[in-house]
Each structure stands twice: as C-alpha cells, then as structure tokens.
C-alpha atoms as a PDB file:
ATOM      1  CA  UNK A   1      -6.218 -10.094  21.028  1.00  0.00           C
ATOM      2  CA  UNK A   2      -5.266  -7.135  18.855  1.00  0.00           C
ATOM      3  CA  UNK A   3      -7.305  -5.060  16.418  1.00  0.00           C
ATOM      4  CA  UNK A   4      -5.528  -5.260  13.068  1.00  0.00           C
ATOM      5  CA  UNK A   5      -6.115  -3.571   9.732  1.00  0.00           C
ATOM      6  CA  UNK A   6      -4.541  -5.613   6.923  1.00  0.00           C
ATOM      7  CA  UNK A   7      -4.216  -3.940   3.512  1.00  0.00           C
ATOM      8  CA  UNK A   8      -3.191  -5.995   0.493  1.00  0.00           C
ATOM      9  CA  UNK A   9      -4.371  -9.595   0.176  1.00  0.00           C
ATOM     10  CA  UNK A  10      -2.241 -10.958  -2.631  1.00  0.00           C
ATOM     11  CA  UNK A  11      -0.398 -14.279  -2.746  1.00  0.00           C
ATOM     12  CA  UNK A  12       1.493 -13.383   0.417  1.00  0.00           C
ATOM     13  CA  UNK A  13      -0.827 -10.963   2.180  1.00  0.00           C
ATOM     14  CA  UNK A  14      -3.877 -13.255   2.016  1.00  0.00           C
ATOM     15  CA  UNK A  15      -2.266 -16.164   3.920  1.00  0.00           C
ATOM     16  CA  UNK A  16      -0.637 -13.763   6.376  1.00  0.00           C
ATOM     17  CA  UNK A  17      -3.959 -12.138   7.221  1.00  0.00           C
ATOM     18  CA  UNK A  18      -5.583 -15.546   7.496  1.00  0.00           C
ATOM     19  CA  UNK A  19      -3.044 -16.585  10.118  1.00  0.00           C
ATOM     20  CA  UNK A  20      -3.878 -13.495  12.177  1.00  0.00           C
ATOM     21  CA  UNK A  21      -7.576 -14.439  12.087  1.00  0.00           C
ATOM     22  CA  UNK A  22      -6.761 -18.005  13.138  1.00  0.00           C
ATOM     23  CA  UNK A  23      -4.646 -16.641  15.997  1.00  0.00           C
ATOM     24  CA  UNK A  24      -7.743 -14.942  17.404  1.00  0.00           C
ATOM     25  CA  UNK A  25      -7.112 -11.343  16.412  1.00  0.00           C
ATOM     26  CA  UNK A  26      -9.863  -9.003  15.232  1.00  0.00           C
ATOM     27  CA  UNK A  27      -8.846  -8.407  11.623  1.00  0.00           C
ATOM     28  CA  UNK A  28     -10.314  -5.887   9.203  1.00  0.00           C
ATOM     29  CA  UNK A  29      -9.095  -6.283   5.598  1.00  0.00           C
ATOM     30  CA  UNK A  30      -9.054  -4.211   2.447  1.00  0.00           C
ATOM     31  CA  UNK A  31      -8.036  -5.174  -1.071  1.00  0.00           C
ATOM     32  CA  UNK A  32      -9.138  -4.197  -4.552  1.00  0.00           C
ATOM     33  CA  UNK A  33      -9.966  -7.872  -5.221  1.00  0.00           C
ATOM     34  CA  UNK A  34     -13.445  -8.740  -3.989  1.00  0.00           C
ATOM     35  CA  UNK A  35     -12.577 -12.441  -4.230  1.00  0.00           C
ATOM     36  CA  UNK A  36      -9.530 -12.010  -1.949  1.00  0.00           C
ATOM     37  CA  UNK A  37     -11.637 -10.128   0.569  1.00  0.00           C
ATOM     38  CA  UNK A  38     -14.336 -12.776   0.505  1.00  0.00           C
ATOM     39  CA  UNK A  39     -11.838 -15.508   1.264  1.00  0.00           C
ATOM     40  CA  UNK A  40     -10.828 -13.646   4.431  1.00  0.00           C
ATOM     41  CA  UNK A  41     -14.454 -12.914   5.298  1.00  0.00           C
ATOM     42  CA  UNK A  42     -15.155 -16.631   5.104  1.00  0.00           C
ATOM     43  CA  UNK A  43     -12.503 -17.122   7.802  1.00  0.00           C
ATOM     44  CA  UNK A  44     -13.993 -14.488  10.066  1.00  0.00           C
ATOM     45  CA  UNK A  45     -12.360 -11.218   9.020  1.00  0.00           C
ATOM     46  CA  UNK A  46     -14.288  -7.976   8.565  1.00  0.00           C
ATOM     47  CA  UNK A  47     -14.115  -6.479   5.067  1.00  0.00           C
ATOM     48  CA  UNK A  48     -13.713  -2.689   4.737  1.00  0.00           C
ATOM     49  CA  UNK A  49     -14.744  -0.622   1.728  1.00  0.00           C
ATOM     50  CA  UNK A  50     -11.483   1.346   1.822  1.00  0.00           C
ATOM     51  CA  UNK A  51      -8.113   1.453   3.547  1.00  0.00           C
ATOM     52  CA  UNK A  52      -9.317   4.428   5.588  1.00  0.00           C
ATOM     53  CA  UNK A  53     -12.316   2.479   6.807  1.00  0.00           C
ATOM     54  CA  UNK A  54     -10.074  -0.500   7.659  1.00  0.00           C
ATOM     55  CA  UNK A  55      -7.855   1.485  10.035  1.00  0.00           C
ATOM     56  CA  UNK A  56     -10.868   2.708  11.988  1.00  0.00           C
ATOM     57  CA  UNK A  57     -12.138  -0.875  12.512  1.00  0.00           C
ATOM     58  CA  UNK A  58     -15.802  -1.259  13.493  1.00  0.00           C
ATOM     59  CA  UNK A  59     -16.113   1.955  15.507  1.00  0.00           C
ATOM     60  CA  UNK A  60     -15.637   5.388  13.860  1.00  0.00           C
ATOM     61  CA  UNK A  61     -13.782   6.814  16.861  1.00  0.00           C
ATOM     62  CA  UNK A  62     -11.520   3.773  17.349  1.00  0.00           C
ATOM     63  CA  UNK A  63      -8.174   3.271  15.652  1.00  0.00           C
ATOM     64  CA  UNK A  64      -6.659  -0.169  15.296  1.00  0.00           C
ATOM     65  CA  UNK A  65      -3.643  -1.401  17.235  1.00  0.00           C
ATOM     66  CA  UNK A  66      -1.747  -2.408  14.085  1.00  0.00           C
ATOM     67  CA  UNK A  67      -1.868  -1.528  10.423  1.00  0.00           C
ATOM     68  CA  UNK A  68      -0.132  -4.118   8.241  1.00  0.00           C
ATOM     69  CA  UNK A  69       0.352  -3.581   4.527  1.00  0.00           C
ATOM     70  CA  UNK A  70       1.571  -5.880   1.760  1.00  0.00           C
ATOM     71  CA  UNK A  71       1.661  -3.853  -1.466  1.00  0.00           C
ATOM     72  CA  UNK A  72       3.347  -4.248  -4.873  1.00  0.00           C
ATOM     73  CA  UNK A  73       5.728  -1.267  -5.003  1.00  0.00           C
ATOM     74  CA  UNK A  74       7.047   1.845  -3.303  1.00  0.00           C
ATOM     75  CA  UNK A  75       4.624   4.134  -5.118  1.00  0.00           C
ATOM     76  CA  UNK A  76       1.694   2.195  -3.658  1.00  0.00           C
ATOM     77  CA  UNK A  77       3.116   2.355  -0.125  1.00  0.00           C
ATOM     78  CA  UNK A  78       3.792   6.099  -0.391  1.00  0.00           C
ATOM     79  CA  UNK A  79       0.369   6.665  -1.914  1.00  0.00           C
ATOM     80  CA  UNK A  80      -1.529   4.918   0.832  1.00  0.00           C
ATOM     81  CA  UNK A  81       0.358   6.330   3.809  1.00  0.00           C
ATOM     82  CA  UNK A  82       1.515   9.852   2.886  1.00  0.00           C
ATOM     83  CA  UNK A  83      -0.286  13.134   2.244  1.00  0.00           C
ATOM     84  CA  UNK A  84      -3.318  14.842   3.741  1.00  0.00           C
ATOM     85  CA  UNK A  85      -5.544  11.899   2.920  1.00  0.00           C
ATOM     86  CA  UNK A  86      -2.973   9.223   3.697  1.00  0.00           C
ATOM     87  CA  UNK A  87      -3.389   6.716   6.490  1.00  0.00           C
ATOM     88  CA  UNK A  88      -0.699   8.308   8.710  1.00  0.00           C
ATOM     89  CA  UNK A  89      -2.836  11.457   8.920  1.00  0.00           C
ATOM     90  CA  UNK A  90      -5.717   9.329  10.206  1.00  0.00           C
ATOM     91  CA  UNK A  91      -3.765   7.451  12.879  1.00  0.00           C
ATOM     92  CA  UNK A  92      -2.441   8.244  16.335  1.00  0.00           C
ATOM     93  CA  UNK A  93       0.452   7.041  18.495  1.00  0.00           C
ATOM     94  CA  UNK A  94      -1.642   4.140  19.767  1.00  0.00           C
ATOM     95  CA  UNK A  95      -1.262   2.437  16.362  1.00  0.00           C
ATOM     96  CA  UNK A  96       1.861   0.634  15.125  1.00  0.00           C
ATOM     97  CA  UNK A  97       2.346   0.544  11.357  1.00  0.00           C
ATOM     98  CA  UNK A  98       4.117  -2.438   9.755  1.00  0.00           C
ATOM     99  CA  UNK A  99       4.759  -2.350   6.026  1.00  0.00           C
ATOM    100  CA  UNK A 100       5.641  -5.856   4.895  1.00  0.00           C
ATOM    101  CA  UNK A 101       5.944  -4.911   1.201  1.00  0.00           C
ATOM    102  CA  UNK A 102       9.259  -5.397  -0.604  1.00  0.00           C
ATOM    103  CA  UNK A 103      10.053  -1.903  -1.896  1.00  0.00           C
ATOM    104  CA  UNK A 104      12.906   0.568  -2.230  1.00  0.00           C
ATOM    105  CA  UNK A 105      14.607   1.599   0.995  1.00  0.00           C
ATOM    106  CA  UNK A 106      14.294   5.385   0.356  1.00  0.00           C
ATOM    107  CA  UNK A 107      10.496   5.125   0.289  1.00  0.00           C
ATOM    108  CA  UNK A 108      10.506   3.162   3.543  1.00  0.00           C
ATOM    109  CA  UNK A 109      12.697   5.799   5.096  1.00  0.00           C
ATOM    110  CA  UNK A 110      10.373   8.553   3.862  1.00  0.00           C
ATOM    111  CA  UNK A 111       7.291   6.906   5.282  1.00  0.00           C
ATOM    112  CA  UNK A 112       9.174   6.124   8.504  1.00  0.00           C
ATOM    113  CA  UNK A 113      10.209   9.776   8.911  1.00  0.00           C
ATOM    114  CA  UNK A 114       6.660  10.975   8.270  1.00  0.00           C
ATOM    115  CA  UNK A 115       5.331   8.534  10.866  1.00  0.00           C
ATOM    116  CA  UNK A 116       7.947   9.627  13.411  1.00  0.00           C
ATOM    117  CA  UNK A 117       6.913  13.261  13.035  1.00  0.00           C
ATOM    118  CA  UNK A 118       3.393  12.232  14.030  1.00  0.00           C
ATOM    119  CA  UNK A 119       4.557  10.063  16.920  1.00  0.00           C
ATOM    120  CA  UNK A 120       3.510   6.874  15.156  1.00  0.00           C
ATOM    121  CA  UNK A 121       5.642   3.751  15.386  1.00  0.00           C
ATOM    122  CA  UNK A 122       6.618   2.476  11.917  1.00  0.00           C
ATOM    123  CA  UNK A 123       8.629  -0.474  10.677  1.00  0.00           C
ATOM    124  CA  UNK A 124       9.453  -1.719   7.232  1.00  0.00           C
ATOM    125  CA  UNK A 125       9.178  -5.467   7.688  1.00  0.00           C
ATOM    126  CA  UNK A 126       9.639  -7.315   4.381  1.00  0.00           C
ATOM    127  CA  UNK A 127       9.408 -11.078   4.487  1.00  0.00           C
ATOM    128  CA  UNK A 128      11.239 -14.139   3.207  1.00  0.00           C
ATOM    129  CA  UNK A 129      10.005 -17.688   2.758  1.00  0.00           C
ATOM    130  CA  UNK A 130       7.489 -17.506  -0.090  1.00  0.00           C
ATOM    131  CA  UNK A 131       3.855 -18.505  -0.313  1.00  0.00           C
ATOM    132  CA  UNK A 132       4.327 -21.829   1.488  1.00  0.00           C
ATOM    133  CA  UNK A 133       5.876 -20.124   4.516  1.00  0.00           C
ATOM    134  CA  UNK A 134       3.163 -17.439   4.460  1.00  0.00           C
ATOM    135  CA  UNK A 135       0.505 -20.116   4.643  1.00  0.00           C
ATOM    136  CA  UNK A 136       2.370 -22.107   7.322  1.00  0.00           C
ATOM    137  CA  UNK A 137       3.075 -19.021   9.444  1.00  0.00           C
ATOM    138  CA  UNK A 138       6.828 -19.598   9.289  1.00  0.00           C
ATOM    139  CA  UNK A 139       7.964 -16.459   7.464  1.00  0.00           C
ATOM    140  CA  UNK A 140      11.160 -14.568   8.305  1.00  0.00           C
ATOM    141  CA  UNK A 141      10.638 -10.848   8.958  1.00  0.00           C
ATOM    142  CA  UNK A 142      13.444  -8.318   8.444  1.00  0.00           C
ATOM    143  CA  UNK A 143      12.490  -5.195  10.364  1.00  0.00           C
ATOM    144  CA  UNK A 144      13.699  -1.623  10.147  1.00  0.00           C
ATOM    145  CA  UNK A 145      12.705   0.952  12.751  1.00  0.00           C
ATOM    146  CA  UNK A 146      13.070   1.959  16.390  1.00  0.00           C
ATOM    147  CA  UNK A 147      13.730  -0.664  19.067  1.00  0.00           C
ATOM    148  CA  UNK A 148      10.555   0.234  20.986  1.00  0.00           C
ATOM    149  CA  UNK A 149       8.474  -0.240  17.836  1.00  0.00           C
ATOM    150  CA  UNK A 150      10.177  -3.534  17.176  1.00  0.00           C
ATOM    151  CA  UNK A 151       9.125  -4.783  20.628  1.00  0.00           C
ATOM    152  CA  UNK A 152       5.494  -4.018  19.730  1.00  0.00           C
ATOM    153  CA  UNK A 153       5.874  -5.467  16.246  1.00  0.00           C
ATOM    154  CA  UNK A 154       7.188  -8.838  17.473  1.00  0.00           C
ATOM    155  CA  UNK A 155       3.957  -9.509  19.308  1.00  0.00           C
ATOM    156  CA  UNK A 156       1.883  -9.575  16.130  1.00  0.00           C
ATOM    157  CA  UNK A 157       4.570 -10.761  13.695  1.00  0.00           C
ATOM    158  CA  UNK A 158       5.038 -13.906  15.782  1.00  0.00           C
ATOM    159  CA  UNK A 159       1.597 -15.059  14.614  1.00  0.00           C
ATOM    160  CA  UNK A 160       2.747 -14.945  10.992  1.00  0.00           C
ATOM    161  CA  UNK A 161       6.407 -15.879  11.186  1.00  0.00           C
ATOM    162  CA  UNK A 162       9.072 -17.892  12.927  1.00  0.00           C
ATOM    163  CA  UNK A 163      12.208 -15.736  12.583  1.00  0.00           C
ATOM    164  CA  UNK A 164      11.871 -12.040  13.397  1.00  0.00           C
ATOM    165  CA  UNK A 165      14.953  -9.813  13.059  1.00  0.00           C
ATOM    166  CA  UNK A 166      15.593  -6.169  13.921  1.00  0.00           C
ATOM    167  CA  UNK A 167      17.939  -5.140  11.135  1.00  0.00           C
ATOM    168  CA  UNK A 168      18.316  -1.492  12.151  1.00  0.00           C
ATOM    169  CA  UNK A 169      16.578   1.883  11.584  1.00  0.00           C
ATOM    170  CA  UNK A 170      13.810   2.510   9.041  1.00  0.00           C
ATOM    171  CA  UNK A 171      14.786   1.171   5.642  1.00  0.00           C
ATOM    172  CA  UNK A 172      17.165  -1.443   7.087  1.00  0.00           C
ATOM    173  CA  UNK A 173      14.600  -4.201   6.563  1.00  0.00           C
ATOM    174  CA  UNK A 174      14.477  -3.437   2.846  1.00  0.00           C
ATOM    175  CA  UNK A 175      18.252  -3.451   2.604  1.00  0.00           C
ATOM    176  CA  UNK A 176      18.420  -6.811   4.372  1.00  0.00           C
ATOM    177  CA  UNK A 177      15.759  -8.199   1.999  1.00  0.00           C
ATOM    178  CA  UNK A 178      17.668  -6.935  -1.023  1.00  0.00           C
ATOM    179  CA  UNK A 179      20.874  -8.602   0.181  1.00  0.00           C
ATOM    180  CA  UNK A 180      19.105 -11.859   0.935  1.00  0.00           C
ATOM    181  CA  UNK A 181      17.253 -12.139  -2.350  1.00  0.00           C
ATOM    182  CA  UNK A 182      20.285 -11.239  -4.405  1.00  0.00           C
ATOM    183  CA  UNK A 183      22.165 -14.088  -2.716  1.00  0.00           C
ATOM    184  CA  UNK A 184      19.154 -16.374  -3.200  1.00  0.00           C
ATOM    185  CA  UNK A 185      19.173 -15.680  -6.949  1.00  0.00           C
ATOM    186  CA  UNK A 186      22.896 -16.302  -7.169  1.00  0.00           C
ATOM    187  CA  UNK A 187      22.869 -19.651  -5.395  1.00  0.00           C
ATOM    188  CA  UNK A 188      19.766 -20.759  -7.315  1.00  0.00           C
ATOM    189  CA  UNK A 189      21.540 -20.023 -10.600  1.00  0.00           C
ATOM    190  CA  UNK A 190      24.697 -21.750  -9.396  1.00  0.00           C
ATOM    191  CA  UNK A 191      22.728 -24.820  -8.306  1.00  0.00           C
ATOM    192  CA  UNK A 192      21.054 -24.975 -11.726  1.00  0.00           C
ATOM    193  CA  UNK A 193      24.365 -24.726 -13.524  1.00  0.00           C
ATOM    194  CA  UNK A 194      25.973 -27.422 -11.367  1.00  0.00           C
ATOM    195  CA  UNK A 195      23.051 -29.820 -11.749  1.00  0.00           C
ATOM    196  CA  UNK A 196      22.819 -29.353 -15.510  1.00  0.00           C
ATOM    197  CA  UNK A 197      26.570 -29.825 -15.864  1.00  0.00           C
ATOM    198  CA  UNK A 198      26.382 -33.081 -13.936  1.00  0.00           C
ATOM    199  CA  UNK A 199      23.357 -34.394 -15.847  1.00  0.00           C
ATOM    200  CA  UNK A 200      25.062 -33.748 -19.218  1.00  0.00           C
ATOM    201  CA  UNK A 201      27.929 -35.886 -17.965  1.00  0.00           C
ATOM    202  CA  UNK A 202      25.702 -38.795 -17.041  1.00  0.00           C
ATOM    203  CA  UNK A 203      25.022 -38.079 -13.371  1.00  0.00           C
ATOM    204  CA  UNK A 204      21.634 -38.603 -11.742  1.00  0.00           C
ATOM    205  CA  UNK A 205      20.491 -35.148 -10.547  1.00  0.00           C
ATOM    206  CA  UNK A 206      19.107 -36.643  -7.320  1.00  0.00           C
ATOM    207  CA  UNK A 207      22.399 -38.366  -6.535  1.00  0.00           C
ATOM    208  CA  UNK A 208      24.388 -35.254  -7.422  1.00  0.00           C
ATOM    209  CA  UNK A 209      22.125 -33.215  -5.186  1.00  0.00           C
ATOM    210  CA  UNK A 210      22.819 -35.596  -2.275  1.00  0.00           C
ATOM    211  CA  UNK A 211      26.547 -35.326  -2.928  1.00  0.00           C
ATOM    212  CA  UNK A 212      26.520 -31.536  -2.912  1.00  0.00           C
ATOM    213  CA  UNK A 213      24.224 -31.382   0.125  1.00  0.00           C
ATOM    214  CA  UNK A 214      26.778 -33.452   2.023  1.00  0.00           C
ATOM    215  CA  UNK A 215      29.642 -31.295   0.736  1.00  0.00           C
ATOM    216  CA  UNK A 216      30.694 -27.655   0.664  1.00  0.00           C
ATOM    217  CA  UNK A 217      28.209 -26.811  -2.095  1.00  0.00           C
ATOM    218  CA  UNK A 218      25.256 -27.196   0.260  1.00  0.00           C
ATOM    219  CA  UNK A 219      22.718 -24.352  -0.005  1.00  0.00           C
ATOM    220  CA  UNK A 220      19.023 -23.596   0.484  1.00  0.00           C
ATOM    221  CA  UNK A 221      18.133 -24.010  -3.197  1.00  0.00           C
ATOM    222  CA  UNK A 222      19.411 -27.588  -3.189  1.00  0.00           C
ATOM    223  CA  UNK A 223      18.089 -28.487   0.255  1.00  0.00           C
ATOM    224  CA  UNK A 224      14.607 -26.981   0.178  1.00  0.00           C
ATOM    225  CA  UNK A 225      13.770 -25.909  -3.378  1.00  0.00           C
ATOM    226  CA  UNK A 226      15.675 -28.209  -5.764  1.00  0.00           C
ATOM    227  CA  UNK A 227      15.392 -26.708  -9.300  1.00  0.00           C
ATOM    228  CA  UNK A 228      15.775 -29.961 -11.210  1.00  0.00           C
ATOM    229  CA  UNK A 229      12.461 -31.646 -12.189  1.00  0.00           C
ATOM    230  CA  UNK A 230      11.766 -34.934 -10.387  1.00  0.00           C
ATOM    231  CA  UNK A 231      14.378 -34.536  -7.640  1.00  0.00           C
ATOM    232  CA  UNK A 232      12.098 -33.060  -4.968  1.00  0.00           C
ATOM    233  CA  UNK A 233       8.423 -34.008  -5.231  1.00  0.00           C
ATOM    234  CA  UNK A 234       6.935 -30.857  -3.727  1.00  0.00           C
ATOM    235  CA  UNK A 235       9.303 -28.354  -5.310  1.00  0.00           C
ATOM    236  CA  UNK A 236       7.924 -26.142  -8.107  1.00  0.00           C
ATOM    237  CA  UNK A 237      10.411 -27.724 -10.532  1.00  0.00           C
ATOM    238  CA  UNK A 238       8.516 -31.028 -10.206  1.00  0.00           C
ATOM    239  CA  UNK A 239       5.182 -29.335 -10.780  1.00  0.00           C
ATOM    240  CA  UNK A 240       5.724 -27.516 -14.045  1.00  0.00           C
ATOM    241  CA  UNK A 241       7.490 -24.633 -12.310  1.00  0.00           C
ATOM    242  CA  UNK A 242       4.254 -23.347 -10.835  1.00  0.00           C
ATOM    243  CA  UNK A 243       5.153 -20.726  -8.239  1.00  0.00           C
ATOM    244  CA  UNK A 244       6.227 -20.532  -5.548  1.00  0.00           C
ATOM    245  CA  UNK A 245       8.069 -17.315  -6.037  1.00  0.00           C
ATOM    246  CA  UNK A 246       7.566 -15.885  -9.498  1.00  0.00           C
ATOM    247  CA  UNK A 247      10.283 -14.823 -11.909  1.00  0.00           C
ATOM    248  CA  UNK A 248       8.614 -11.396 -12.077  1.00  0.00           C
ATOM    249  CA  UNK A 249       9.054 -10.976  -8.333  1.00  0.00           C
ATOM    250  CA  UNK A 250      12.671 -12.092  -8.355  1.00  0.00           C
ATOM    251  CA  UNK A 251      13.439  -9.685 -11.217  1.00  0.00           C
ATOM    252  CA  UNK A 252      11.762  -6.877  -9.222  1.00  0.00           C
ATOM    253  CA  UNK A 253      13.743  -7.725  -6.073  1.00  0.00           C
ATOM    254  CA  UNK A 254      17.001  -7.892  -8.017  1.00  0.00           C
ATOM    255  CA  UNK A 255      16.251  -4.461  -9.441  1.00  0.00           C
ATOM    256  CA  UNK A 256      15.882  -3.159  -5.888  1.00  0.00           C
ATOM    257  CA  UNK A 257      19.139  -4.875  -4.939  1.00  0.00           C
ATOM    258  CA  UNK A 258      20.896  -3.184  -7.885  1.00  0.00           C
ATOM    259  CA  UNK A 259      19.646   0.184  -6.614  1.00  0.00           C
ATOM    260  CA  UNK A 260      21.026  -0.547  -3.119  1.00  0.00           C
ATOM    261  CA  UNK A 261      24.386  -1.585  -4.586  1.00  0.00           C
ATOM    262  CA  UNK A 262      24.554   1.505  -6.830  1.00  0.00           C
ATOM    263  CA  UNK A 263      23.693   3.844  -3.958  1.00  0.00           C
ATOM    264  CA  UNK A 264      26.356   2.147  -1.811  1.00  0.00           C
ATOM    265  CA  UNK A 265      29.097   2.058  -4.436  1.00  0.00           C
ATOM    266  CA  UNK A 266      29.212  -1.750  -4.473  1.00  0.00           C
ATOM    267  CA  UNK A 267      30.253  -3.402  -7.762  1.00  0.00           C
ATOM    268  CA  UNK A 268      28.007  -6.445  -7.374  1.00  0.00           C
ATOM    269  CA  UNK A 269      28.829  -8.240 -10.633  1.00  0.00           C
ATOM    270  CA  UNK A 270      27.225 -11.539  -9.652  1.00  0.00           C
ATOM    271  CA  UNK A 271      24.024  -9.758  -8.718  1.00  0.00           C
ATOM    272  CA  UNK A 272      24.002  -7.909 -12.011  1.00  0.00           C
ATOM    273  CA  UNK A 273      24.429 -11.147 -13.976  1.00  0.00           C
ATOM    274  CA  UNK A 274      21.627 -12.738 -11.948  1.00  0.00           C
ATOM    275  CA  UNK A 275      19.300  -9.882 -12.834  1.00  0.00           C
ATOM    276  CA  UNK A 276      20.162 -10.188 -16.506  1.00  0.00           C
ATOM    277  CA  UNK A 277      19.203 -13.875 -16.477  1.00  0.00           C
ATOM    278  CA  UNK A 278      15.844 -13.215 -14.767  1.00  0.00           C
ATOM    279  CA  UNK A 279      15.075 -10.386 -17.175  1.00  0.00           C
ATOM    280  CA  UNK A 280      15.754 -12.846 -20.018  1.00  0.00           C
ATOM    281  CA  UNK A 281      13.195 -15.208 -18.509  1.00  0.00           C
ATOM    282  CA  UNK A 282      10.687 -12.360 -18.398  1.00  0.00           C
ATOM    283  CA  UNK A 283      11.379 -11.503 -22.009  1.00  0.00           C
ATOM    284  CA  UNK A 284      10.782 -15.160 -22.885  1.00  0.00           C
ATOM    285  CA  UNK A 285       7.273 -14.897 -21.413  1.00  0.00           C
ATOM    286  CA  UNK A 286       8.110 -16.886 -18.273  1.00  0.00           C
ATOM    287  CA  UNK A 287       7.509 -14.149 -15.716  1.00  0.00           C
ATOM    288  CA  UNK A 288       4.658 -16.041 -14.067  1.00  0.00           C
ATOM    289  CA  UNK A 289       6.712 -19.221 -13.590  1.00  0.00           C
ATOM    290  CA  UNK A 290       8.697 -20.029 -10.475  1.00  0.00           C
ATOM    291  CA  UNK A 291      12.127 -18.459 -10.192  1.00  0.00           C
ATOM    292  CA  UNK A 292      13.765 -21.905 -10.175  1.00  0.00           C
ATOM    293  CA  UNK A 293      12.774 -22.127 -13.864  1.00  0.00           C
ATOM    294  CA  UNK A 294      16.071 -20.340 -14.606  1.00  0.00           C
ATOM    295  CA  UNK A 295      17.250 -23.933 -15.212  1.00  0.00           C
ATOM    296  CA  UNK A 296      15.360 -23.896 -18.528  1.00  0.00           C
ATOM    297  CA  UNK A 297      17.792 -21.302 -19.923  1.00  0.00           C
ATOM    298  CA  UNK A 298      20.519 -23.894 -19.596  1.00  0.00           C
ATOM    299  CA  UNK A 299      18.387 -26.643 -21.107  1.00  0.00           C
ATOM    300  CA  UNK A 300      17.632 -24.516 -24.185  1.00  0.00           C
ATOM    301  CA  UNK A 301      21.357 -24.317 -24.936  1.00  0.00           C
ATOM    302  CA  UNK A 302      21.726 -28.080 -24.853  1.00  0.00           C
END
C-alpha cells in the first residue's frame, strides 16, 4: 500500500483516483469541486482542504509516497508545483511526483528540472484512452523522466492503466501524447469522410465499416469508436455524441501538437487541417460534444 496525494478530480482524475482507492492505497484528494471530493470520500479517500495539506497526508511530519496531478493546463501545473509556496518546496526525495495532465512540453521540462534540483523524482505521464479507460483502469501512460523514477512510477500507474511506456526524459511524455492525439484526430476525420462518402453512394455504414476493418483502412476510430450513428451501440456517435473525449479537449491537444511541430520545424499539414476542423466545431458551439462529432461537419454540407 502506498500513500498517495491526488490533485485534480475531473472527468479523468476522478476515476483514476477511485481506482487507486479500490486497489487498497491510502489516497488523499484535493479538488476545487466539493462534489468531486465527496464522491472520492464516499469510496474511502481522505479529502484535504488544500493541495499542500494533501501532500502531507494525515500526519503533519509525513510526506506521501506519490503525488499525482491531473490539471487543465501548463499554467496550473507550474502554479501548483513551482515557487516558494509550490508543492516541490514542501516535498523531499522520498516522494515521486507524477503529473498526468496533458500540457506543453516546456512546462513539463521546467517542473522536471526544478524537481531534479531538489532531488525529487518527477515524470510527466499524460494518458490516452478517455473516460471509459480511466474508469476501467486500462489507460495508456506515456512517461517522461529518469529511468529510476519510471521504475517507481510503474508500481502505482499499474493500478490505473494497462500500457505504461517510458518515452524518454522529462517532457517526452507530452511529446508522445501530442503525436498520438494528432494522429487520432487525423484518422477520425478520415474515417468520417470515408463513411459519409459511402453512405451518400448508397452503402450501409455498418457494412462499409466491416469492409474497411477487414482491409487496409482499418484503424482505432473504426474499430473502437465508430463515428457514424447506429453502427456501434456504445460509441458516443450512437448516444447523441455525448463524450467521451470532448471537442474542446481535442482542440486543446491539437494546439499543443502544433506547438511541438513548430518548435521542431515539422510542416504537419494534416495536423493543421485537423485543428482547423475542430476549431470550427468549437465555433459552432459543439465544444462539449464528443470529438467524433466532426462527422456533423460533413452532414451539414449534404
């Protein structure tokens, strides 16, 4: 059993923290949402009044084994960890810090460098798999940091995920996440275009999906998350495009991917077009819908 401080109980963080409680760990949580905290308290977690209180667990002189954060953006991660009053200043080398937020790589590197100066193990460990995988404990973790820290991280991440990768040094996890989600957006858009093209020519989208899944067009969007309504019963497309993974989050991740490409000198034209489409969905007021709702842009042109 480990003592864990979990900070950030949103759509992803809440289920992740819940899995740690179910695995038998002593979990102290903090979030600005009282409702989110209460849900974890009902499962057996301890609720802290602040992030600082969370990292000291139940005893003032005791620091937790792990701090795990799941926060909206880089500014929130930097704000909670850095500075004289930041969490890093309150921790010691006995604690391993795992930031599972999806943020910009430079901020992850900055926090990682600050942690290293204090002798604290840090990894950026963004996730893939969405809310369903968070609840099921089958997330993929893409980790950036030292090998020794990764060995410690795997122990706790295994209770929240199924596939745990060491991508490289601090910031590498964010780069891997940016690459993955850019590709996800591209093959989701391509799947939508192919399905709509087939339907307008009289094909059944379910049959066309089977054909492509048995052929070279096979991809995750078709196999697990079919974007055409009625094809896959449990997919968001068949449930009014309720997320799932929101358009707002995909647009955010594609923005991060564009930053990575720009900093690397990569002319990622497909990624740029994908971002443009998801920004259009946001502008149409669909930011809270599932990212597979990009299909509706094609339907509107019909």
